[in-house]
PDB file of N, CA and C in Angstrom:
ATOM      1  N   MET A   1     -26.312 104.545  -6.060  1.00  0.00           N
ATOM      2  CA  MET A   1     -25.535 105.584  -5.426  1.00  0.00           C
ATOM      3  C   MET A   1     -25.716 104.933  -3.681  1.00  0.00           C
ATOM      4  N   ASN A   2     -24.464 105.423  -3.200  1.00  0.00           N
ATOM      5  CA  ASN A   2     -24.498 104.433  -1.828  1.00  0.00           C
ATOM      6  C   ASN A   2     -24.901 105.577  -0.563  1.00  0.00           C
ATOM      7  N   ASN A   3     -24.977 105.097   0.221  1.00  0.00           N
ATOM      8  CA  ASN A   3     -25.700 105.660   1.400  1.00  0.00           C
ATOM      9  C   ASN A   3     -25.006 107.545   1.779  1.00  0.00           C
ATOM     10  N   LEU A   4     -23.562 107.519   1.735  1.00  0.00           N
ATOM     11  CA  LEU A   4     -22.763 108.758   1.486  1.00  0.00           C
ATOM     12  C   LEU A   4     -23.164 109.940   0.730  1.00  0.00           C
ATOM     13  N   GLY A   5     -23.640 109.185  -0.916  1.00  0.00           N
ATOM     14  CA  GLY A   5     -24.079 110.297  -1.795  1.00  0.00           C
ATOM     15  C   GLY A   5     -25.540 110.621  -1.632  1.00  0.00           C
ATOM     16  N   GLN A   6     -26.193 110.000  -0.974  1.00  0.00           N
ATOM     17  CA  GLN A   6     -27.250 110.404  -0.832  1.00  0.00           C
ATOM     18  C   GLN A   6     -27.118 111.543   0.602  1.00  0.00           C
ATOM     19  N   GLN A   7     -26.600 111.538   1.463  1.00  0.00           N
ATOM     20  CA  GLN A   7     -26.496 112.085   2.423  1.00  0.00           C
ATOM     21  C   GLN A   7     -25.898 113.538   2.516  1.00  0.00           C
ATOM     22  N   THR A   8     -24.883 113.801   1.000  1.00  0.00           N
ATOM     23  CA  THR A   8     -24.345 114.700   0.517  1.00  0.00           C
ATOM     24  C   THR A   8     -24.924 115.550  -0.307  1.00  0.00           C
ATOM     25  N   GLY A   9     -26.288 114.802  -0.936  1.00  0.00           N
ATOM     26  CA  GLY A   9     -26.696 115.921  -1.548  1.00  0.00           C
ATOM     27  C   GLY A   9     -27.388 114.897  -3.006  1.00  0.00           C
ATOM     28  N   GLY A  10     -26.472 113.799  -3.161  1.00  0.00           N
ATOM     29  CA  GLY A  10     -26.177 112.727  -4.679  1.00  0.00           C
ATOM     30  C   GLY A  10     -25.464 113.373  -5.549  1.00  0.00           C
ATOM     31  N   SER A  11     -25.791 114.212  -6.637  1.00  0.00           N
ATOM     32  CA  SER A  11     -25.006 114.088  -7.847  1.00  0.00           C
ATOM     33  C   SER A  11     -23.597 115.017  -7.780  1.00  0.00           C
ATOM     34  N   GLU A  12     -22.862 114.660  -8.381  1.00  0.00           N
ATOM     35  CA  GLU A  12     -21.787 115.674  -8.315  1.00  0.00           C
ATOM     36  C   GLU A  12     -22.129 117.478  -8.403  1.00  0.00           C
ATOM     37  N   ASP A  13     -22.972 117.586  -9.331  1.00  0.00           N
ATOM     38  CA  ASP A  13     -23.380 118.855  -9.748  1.00  0.00           C
ATOM     39  C   ASP A  13     -23.884 119.501  -8.295  1.00  0.00           C
ATOM     40  N   ALA A  14     -24.903 118.917  -7.797  1.00  0.00           N
ATOM     41  CA  ALA A  14     -25.388 119.560  -6.265  1.00  0.00           C
ATOM     42  C   ALA A  14     -24.372 119.141  -5.392  1.00  0.00           C
ATOM     43  N   ARG A  15     -23.379 118.470  -4.920  1.00  0.00           N
ATOM     44  CA  ARG A  15     -22.439 118.417  -4.340  1.00  0.00           C
ATOM     45  C   ARG A  15     -21.404 120.018  -4.525  1.00  0.00           C
ATOM     46  N   VAL A  16     -20.893 120.319  -5.903  1.00  0.00           N
ATOM     47  CA  VAL A  16     -20.422 121.313  -6.149  1.00  0.00           C
ATOM     48  C   VAL A  16     -20.842 122.718  -5.557  1.00  0.00           C
ATOM     49  N   THR A  17     -22.468 122.849  -6.294  1.00  0.00           N
ATOM     50  CA  THR A  17     -23.189 123.656  -5.666  1.00  0.00           C
ATOM     51  C   THR A  17     -23.290 124.121  -4.575  1.00  0.00           C
ATOM     52  N   GLU A  18     -23.354 122.997  -3.736  1.00  0.00           N
ATOM     53  CA  GLU A  18     -23.460 123.419  -2.102  1.00  0.00           C
ATOM     54  C   GLU A  18     -22.198 123.594  -1.683  1.00  0.00           C
ATOM     55  N   ALA A  19     -21.059 122.994  -1.877  1.00  0.00           N
ATOM     56  CA  ALA A  19     -19.460 123.822  -1.789  1.00  0.00           C
ATOM     57  C   ALA A  19     -19.717 124.906  -2.035  1.00  0.00           C
ATOM     58  N   HIS A  20     -19.608 125.281  -3.297  1.00  0.00           N
ATOM     59  CA  HIS A  20     -19.743 126.847  -3.147  1.00  0.00           C
ATOM     60  C   HIS A  20     -20.146 127.812  -2.404  1.00  0.00           C
ATOM     61  N   GLN A  21     -21.582 127.145  -2.205  1.00  0.00           N
ATOM     62  CA  GLN A  21     -22.808 127.932  -1.539  1.00  0.00           C
ATOM     63  C   GLN A  21     -22.011 128.270  -0.109  1.00  0.00           C
ATOM     64  N   LEU A  22     -21.178 126.987   0.750  1.00  0.00           N
ATOM     65  CA  LEU A  22     -20.857 126.734   1.814  1.00  0.00           C
ATOM     66  C   LEU A  22     -19.645 128.223   1.919  1.00  0.00           C
ATOM     67  N   CYS A  23     -18.497 127.694   1.141  1.00  0.00           N
ATOM     68  CA  CYS A  23     -17.553 128.707   0.742  1.00  0.00           C
ATOM     69  C   CYS A  23     -17.792 129.879   1.169  1.00  0.00           C
ATOM     70  N   HIS A  24     -19.385 130.401   0.325  1.00  0.00           N
ATOM     71  CA  HIS A  24     -19.309 131.904   0.328  1.00  0.00           C
ATOM     72  C   HIS A  24     -19.553 132.468   1.543  1.00  0.00           C
ATOM     73  N   ILE A  25     -20.913 131.328   2.357  1.00  0.00           N
ATOM     74  CA  ILE A  25     -21.024 131.367   3.581  1.00  0.00           C
ATOM     75  C   ILE A  25     -19.839 131.545   4.492  1.00  0.00           C
ATOM     76  N   ILE A  26     -18.648 130.847   4.627  1.00  0.00           N
ATOM     77  CA  ILE A  26     -18.073 130.560   5.613  1.00  0.00           C
ATOM     78  C   ILE A  26     -16.729 131.955   5.413  1.00  0.00           C
ATOM     79  N   CYS A  27     -16.877 132.139   3.973  1.00  0.00           N
ATOM     80  CA  CYS A  27     -15.783 133.318   4.002  1.00  0.00           C
ATOM     81  C   CYS A  27     -16.229 134.634   4.639  1.00  0.00           C
ATOM     82  N   GLU A  28     -17.594 134.454   5.389  1.00  0.00           N
ATOM     83  CA  GLU A  28     -17.545 136.013   5.936  1.00  0.00           C
ATOM     84  C   GLU A  28     -16.956 135.877   7.150  1.00  0.00           C
ATOM     85  N   SER A  29     -16.345 134.334   7.903  1.00  0.00           N
ATOM     86  CA  SER A  29     -15.924 134.156   9.528  1.00  0.00           C
ATOM     87  C   SER A  29     -14.146 133.898   8.868  1.00  0.00           C
ATOM     88  N   VAL A  30     -13.680 134.182   7.991  1.00  0.00           N
ATOM     89  CA  VAL A  30     -12.445 133.734   7.127  1.00  0.00           C
ATOM     90  C   VAL A  30     -11.423 133.762   8.243  1.00  0.00           C
ATOM     91  N   ASP A  31     -11.437 135.060   9.037  1.00  0.00           N
ATOM     92  CA  ASP A  31     -10.549 135.713   9.940  1.00  0.00           C
ATOM     93  C   ASP A  31     -10.282 134.386  10.947  1.00  0.00           C
ATOM     94  N   GLU A  32     -11.290 133.601  11.402  1.00  0.00           N
ATOM     95  CA  GLU A  32     -11.756 133.113  12.717  1.00  0.00           C
ATOM     96  C   GLU A  32     -11.396 131.450  12.335  1.00  0.00           C
ATOM     97  N   LEU A  33     -10.879 131.146  11.012  1.00  0.00           N
ATOM     98  CA  LEU A  33     -10.685 130.000  10.447  1.00  0.00           C
ATOM     99  C   LEU A  33      -9.268 129.546  10.901  1.00  0.00           C
ATOM    100  N   THR A  34      -8.799 127.836  11.101  1.00  0.00           N
ATOM    101  CA  THR A  34      -7.233 127.790  11.543  1.00  0.00           C
ATOM    102  C   THR A  34      -7.180 127.865   9.717  1.00  0.00           C
ATOM    103  N   PRO A  35      -5.414 127.697  10.019  1.00  0.00           N
ATOM    104  CA  PRO A  35      -5.041 127.818   8.704  1.00  0.00           C
ATOM    105  C   PRO A  35      -5.180 126.921   7.913  1.00  0.00           C
ATOM    106  N   ARG A  36      -5.552 125.692   8.284  1.00  0.00           N
ATOM    107  CA  ARG A  36      -5.636 124.402   7.516  1.00  0.00           C
ATOM    108  C   ARG A  36      -7.130 124.590   7.262  1.00  0.00           C
ATOM    109  N   GLU A  37      -7.863 124.901   7.658  1.00  0.00           N
ATOM    110  CA  GLU A  37      -9.073 125.386   7.348  1.00  0.00           C
ATOM    111  C   GLU A  37      -9.231 126.657   6.402  1.00  0.00           C
ATOM    112  N   ARG A  38      -8.948 127.403   6.627  1.00  0.00           N
ATOM    113  CA  ARG A  38      -8.852 128.592   6.102  1.00  0.00           C
ATOM    114  C   ARG A  38      -8.089 128.177   4.229  1.00  0.00           C
ATOM    115  N   GLU A  39      -7.087 127.663   4.160  1.00  0.00           N
ATOM    116  CA  GLU A  39      -6.247 126.652   2.738  1.00  0.00           C
ATOM    117  C   GLU A  39      -7.352 126.165   2.368  1.00  0.00           C
ATOM    118  N   PHE A  40      -8.209 125.270   3.241  1.00  0.00           N
ATOM    119  CA  PHE A  40      -9.199 124.439   2.352  1.00  0.00           C
ATOM    120  C   PHE A  40     -10.461 125.186   1.572  1.00  0.00           C
ATOM    121  N   VAL A  41     -10.815 125.698   2.240  1.00  0.00           N
ATOM    122  CA  VAL A  41     -12.036 126.698   2.076  1.00  0.00           C
ATOM    123  C   VAL A  41     -11.445 127.483   0.927  1.00  0.00           C
ATOM    124  N   MET A  42     -10.551 128.115   0.436  1.00  0.00           N
ATOM    125  CA  MET A  42     -10.078 129.081  -0.586  1.00  0.00           C
ATOM    126  C   MET A  42      -9.942 128.082  -1.524  1.00  0.00           C
ATOM    127  N   GLN A  43      -9.340 127.032  -1.381  1.00  0.00           N
ATOM    128  CA  GLN A  43      -9.478 125.693  -3.067  1.00  0.00           C
ATOM    129  C   GLN A  43     -10.729 125.493  -2.971  1.00  0.00           C
ATOM    130  N   MET A  44     -11.319 125.127  -2.117  1.00  0.00           N
ATOM    131  CA  MET A  44     -12.822 124.566  -2.266  1.00  0.00           C
ATOM    132  C   MET A  44     -13.402 126.176  -3.167  1.00  0.00           C
ATOM    133  N   THR A  45     -13.587 126.954  -3.184  1.00  0.00           N
ATOM    134  CA  THR A  45     -14.153 128.292  -3.381  1.00  0.00           C
ATOM    135  C   THR A  45     -14.639 128.271  -4.934  1.00  0.00           C
ATOM    136  N   ASP A  46     -13.464 127.685  -5.929  1.00  0.00           N
ATOM    137  CA  ASP A  46     -13.782 127.909  -7.489  1.00  0.00           C
ATOM    138  C   ASP A  46     -13.930 126.162  -7.649  1.00  0.00           C
ATOM    139  N   CYS A  47     -14.236 125.062  -7.023  1.00  0.00           N
ATOM    140  CA  CYS A  47     -13.860 123.653  -7.134  1.00  0.00           C
ATOM    141  C   CYS A  47     -14.894 123.591  -8.427  1.00  0.00           C
ATOM    142  N   THR A  48     -14.666 122.401  -9.136  1.00  0.00           N
ATOM    143  CA  THR A  48     -15.536 121.958 -10.003  1.00  0.00           C
ATOM    144  C   THR A  48     -15.856 120.355  -9.722  1.00  0.00           C
ATOM    145  N   THR A  49     -15.252 119.794  -8.809  1.00  0.00           N
ATOM    146  CA  THR A  49     -15.518 118.380  -8.191  1.00  0.00           C
ATOM    147  C   THR A  49     -15.214 118.736  -6.671  1.00  0.00           C
ATOM    148  N   CYS A  50     -16.113 117.970  -6.108  1.00  0.00           N
ATOM    149  CA  CYS A  50     -16.637 118.128  -4.619  1.00  0.00           C
ATOM    150  C   CYS A  50     -16.835 116.800  -3.915  1.00  0.00           C
ATOM    151  N   SER A  51     -15.945 115.906  -3.117  1.00  0.00           N
ATOM    152  CA  SER A  51     -16.337 114.476  -2.700  1.00  0.00           C
ATOM    153  C   SER A  51     -17.132 115.004  -1.305  1.00  0.00           C
ATOM    154  N   GLY A  52     -18.235 113.666  -1.478  1.00  0.00           N
ATOM    155  CA  GLY A  52     -18.564 113.838  -0.231  1.00  0.00           C
ATOM    156  C   GLY A  52     -17.790 114.064   0.958  1.00  0.00           C
ATOM    157  N   ARG A  53     -16.549 113.250   1.342  1.00  0.00           N
ATOM    158  CA  ARG A  53     -15.797 113.376   2.564  1.00  0.00           C
ATOM    159  C   ARG A  53     -15.366 115.460   2.331  1.00  0.00           C
ATOM    160  N   GLN A  54     -15.193 115.988   1.114  1.00  0.00           N
ATOM    161  CA  GLN A  54     -15.051 118.020   1.483  1.00  0.00           C
ATOM    162  C   GLN A  54     -16.266 118.390   1.566  1.00  0.00           C
ATOM    163  N   LEU A  55     -17.289 117.791   1.291  1.00  0.00           N
ATOM    164  CA  LEU A  55     -18.660 118.360   1.768  1.00  0.00           C
ATOM    165  C   LEU A  55     -18.802 118.317   3.194  1.00  0.00           C
ATOM    166  N   PHE A  56     -18.788 117.216   3.421  1.00  0.00           N
ATOM    167  CA  PHE A  56     -18.761 116.935   4.909  1.00  0.00           C
ATOM    168  C   PHE A  56     -18.045 117.971   5.721  1.00  0.00           C
ATOM    169  N   TRP A  57     -16.990 118.062   5.441  1.00  0.00           N
ATOM    170  CA  TRP A  57     -15.849 119.075   6.044  1.00  0.00           C
ATOM    171  C   TRP A  57     -16.440 120.452   6.158  1.00  0.00           C
ATOM    172  N   LEU A  58     -16.895 120.744   4.612  1.00  0.00           N
ATOM    173  CA  LEU A  58     -17.306 122.155   4.840  1.00  0.00           C
ATOM    174  C   LEU A  58     -18.187 122.354   5.537  1.00  0.00           C
ATOM    175  N   ARG A  59     -19.407 121.135   5.483  1.00  0.00           N
ATOM    176  CA  ARG A  59     -20.401 121.667   6.793  1.00  0.00           C
ATOM    177  C   ARG A  59     -20.200 121.561   8.086  1.00  0.00           C
ATOM    178  N   ASP A  60     -19.076 120.966   8.686  1.00  0.00           N
ATOM    179  CA  ASP A  60     -18.633 120.944  10.138  1.00  0.00           C
ATOM    180  C   ASP A  60     -17.905 122.805  10.106  1.00  0.00           C
ATOM    181  N   ILE A  61     -17.061 123.046   9.191  1.00  0.00           N
ATOM    182  CA  ILE A  61     -16.371 123.947   9.291  1.00  0.00           C
ATOM    183  C   ILE A  61     -17.766 125.195   9.782  1.00  0.00           C
ATOM    184  N   LYS A  62     -18.556 124.970   8.771  1.00  0.00           N
ATOM    185  CA  LYS A  62     -19.939 126.197   8.583  1.00  0.00           C
ATOM    186  C   LYS A  62     -20.387 126.116   9.811  1.00  0.00           C
ATOM    187  N   ASP A  63     -20.668 124.852  10.347  1.00  0.00           N
ATOM    188  CA  ASP A  63     -21.493 124.754  11.838  1.00  0.00           C
ATOM    189  C   ASP A  63     -20.755 125.208  12.808  1.00  0.00           C
ATOM    190  N   LYS A  64     -19.166 124.761  12.507  1.00  0.00           N
ATOM    191  CA  LYS A  64     -18.142 125.347  13.968  1.00  0.00           C
ATOM    192  C   LYS A  64     -18.189 126.783  14.444  1.00  0.00           C
ATOM    193  N   TYR A  65     -18.644 127.140  13.049  1.00  0.00           N
ATOM    194  CA  TYR A  65     -18.221 128.800  12.836  1.00  0.00           C
ATOM    195  C   TYR A  65     -19.402 130.104  13.175  1.00  0.00           C
ATOM    196  N   LEU A  66     -20.314 129.349  12.643  1.00  0.00           N
ATOM    197  CA  LEU A  66     -21.621 130.000  12.318  1.00  0.00           C
ATOM    198  C   LEU A  66     -22.674 129.531  13.394  1.00  0.00           C
TER     199      LEU A  66
END
């Protein structure tokens, strides 16, 4: 596993689980998101896969608004 995988939580299942949790948190502030962020979060809400890059963006969005 590369360093990026370790920073994102490791396994695919762990990334998907965290993505779902982040989307649930972010959705409480959905009106504040930019259209691009809103579209991305909505797409990720029911995701079955999640890359490290996607997870980092979800983390950034959460940190930006909460």
